Protein backbone atom coordinates (compact mmCIF):
# COMPACT_ATOMS: atom_id res chain seq x y z
CA MET A 1 -5.14 72.65 -75.39
CA ALA A 2 -2.27 74.47 -73.69
CA ASN A 3 1.15 74.44 -75.33
CA ARG A 4 3.40 72.29 -73.15
CA HIS A 5 6.49 74.22 -74.27
CA ILE A 6 5.39 77.66 -73.09
CA GLY A 7 7.61 78.70 -70.22
CA GLY A 8 10.23 76.07 -70.97
CA SER A 9 13.69 76.61 -72.36
CA PHE A 10 14.74 75.90 -75.91
CA ASP A 11 17.18 73.28 -74.60
CA ASP A 12 14.28 71.56 -72.82
CA PHE A 13 12.30 71.56 -76.06
CA LEU A 14 15.23 70.10 -78.04
CA ALA A 15 15.77 67.44 -75.37
CA GLU A 16 12.09 66.46 -75.41
CA GLU A 17 12.22 66.18 -79.20
CA GLY A 18 15.44 64.11 -79.05
CA MET A 19 17.44 66.74 -80.91
CA LEU A 20 19.57 68.34 -78.18
CA GLU A 21 22.76 66.33 -78.74
CA GLU A 22 22.73 66.85 -82.50
CA ALA A 23 22.01 70.58 -82.17
CA THR A 24 24.77 70.95 -79.56
CA ALA A 25 27.29 69.09 -81.73
CA THR A 26 26.43 71.21 -84.76
CA ALA A 27 26.71 74.43 -82.75
CA MET A 28 30.10 73.41 -81.34
CA LYS A 29 31.37 72.46 -84.80
CA ARG A 30 30.29 75.82 -86.21
CA VAL A 31 32.20 77.64 -83.48
CA ILE A 32 35.31 75.50 -83.96
CA ALA A 33 35.27 75.95 -87.76
CA TRP A 34 34.77 79.71 -87.34
CA GLN A 35 37.64 79.98 -84.85
CA ILE A 36 40.00 78.07 -87.14
CA GLN A 37 39.00 80.26 -90.10
CA GLN A 38 39.54 83.42 -88.05
CA GLU A 39 43.01 82.25 -87.00
CA MET A 40 43.84 81.36 -90.61
CA LYS A 41 42.87 84.92 -91.62
CA ALA A 42 44.92 86.41 -88.79
CA GLN A 43 47.97 84.41 -89.87
CA LYS A 44 47.21 84.95 -93.59
CA LEU A 45 47.22 81.20 -94.21
CA THR A 46 45.55 79.54 -97.17
CA LYS A 47 43.80 76.19 -96.87
CA THR A 48 46.63 74.61 -98.83
CA GLU A 49 49.24 76.01 -96.44
CA LEU A 50 47.35 74.89 -93.34
CA ALA A 51 46.77 71.43 -94.80
CA ALA A 52 50.51 71.13 -95.46
CA ARG A 53 51.30 72.18 -91.89
CA MET A 54 48.83 69.57 -90.64
CA LYS A 55 50.35 66.96 -92.97
CA THR A 56 46.94 66.20 -94.41
CA SER A 57 45.01 66.80 -97.60
CA ARG A 58 43.09 69.91 -98.46
CA ALA A 59 39.96 67.72 -98.68
CA ALA A 60 40.47 66.68 -95.03
CA LEU A 61 40.87 70.33 -94.06
CA ASN A 62 37.68 71.18 -95.94
CA ARG A 63 35.83 68.56 -93.86
CA LEU A 64 37.24 70.15 -90.70
CA LEU A 65 36.03 73.57 -91.83
CA ASP A 66 32.62 72.25 -92.96
CA GLU A 67 30.23 73.58 -90.31
CA THR A 68 27.76 70.75 -90.85
CA ASP A 69 30.23 67.83 -90.69
CA THR A 70 30.37 66.89 -87.01
CA SER A 71 32.40 63.71 -87.53
CA LEU A 72 35.87 64.92 -86.65
CA THR A 73 38.42 63.44 -84.31
CA LEU A 74 40.31 64.88 -81.40
CA ALA A 75 43.50 64.10 -83.31
CA THR A 76 42.33 66.30 -86.20
CA LEU A 77 41.48 69.14 -83.85
CA ALA A 78 44.83 68.83 -82.09
CA SER A 79 46.65 68.77 -85.42
CA ALA A 80 44.87 71.92 -86.63
CA ALA A 81 45.56 73.70 -83.35
CA ALA A 82 49.24 72.77 -83.41
CA ALA A 83 49.55 73.87 -87.03
CA LEU A 84 48.17 77.25 -85.99
CA GLY A 85 50.44 77.48 -82.93
CA LYS A 86 47.45 77.03 -80.62
CA HIS A 87 45.91 74.31 -78.47
CA PHE A 88 42.41 73.08 -77.83
CA ARG A 89 40.98 72.94 -74.35
CA PHE A 90 38.31 70.33 -73.73
CA GLU A 91 36.26 70.07 -70.58
CA LEU A 92 33.00 68.64 -69.33
CA ALA A 93 30.61 71.27 -68.09
CA ALA A 94 27.49 71.06 -65.99
């Protein structure tokens, strides 16, 4: 029996298996967490200092930086960006 996935894309495979949205969300969260961590390093900020700038707890910041926790809000992202002197840009793409 021929493999129905040969010649297809990985995204097609994930979509067929019903995993594309979850994989995409996890990938985006990993990139966001990494970018925030890189900016913290560049500005020599500790988690405690960034949490204070965001007016939130360190535990909340840890959830933001947790690559596997995809349940974050736009308000949290905006707060982190503002605390770092940055902004987030969101857009729908084809």
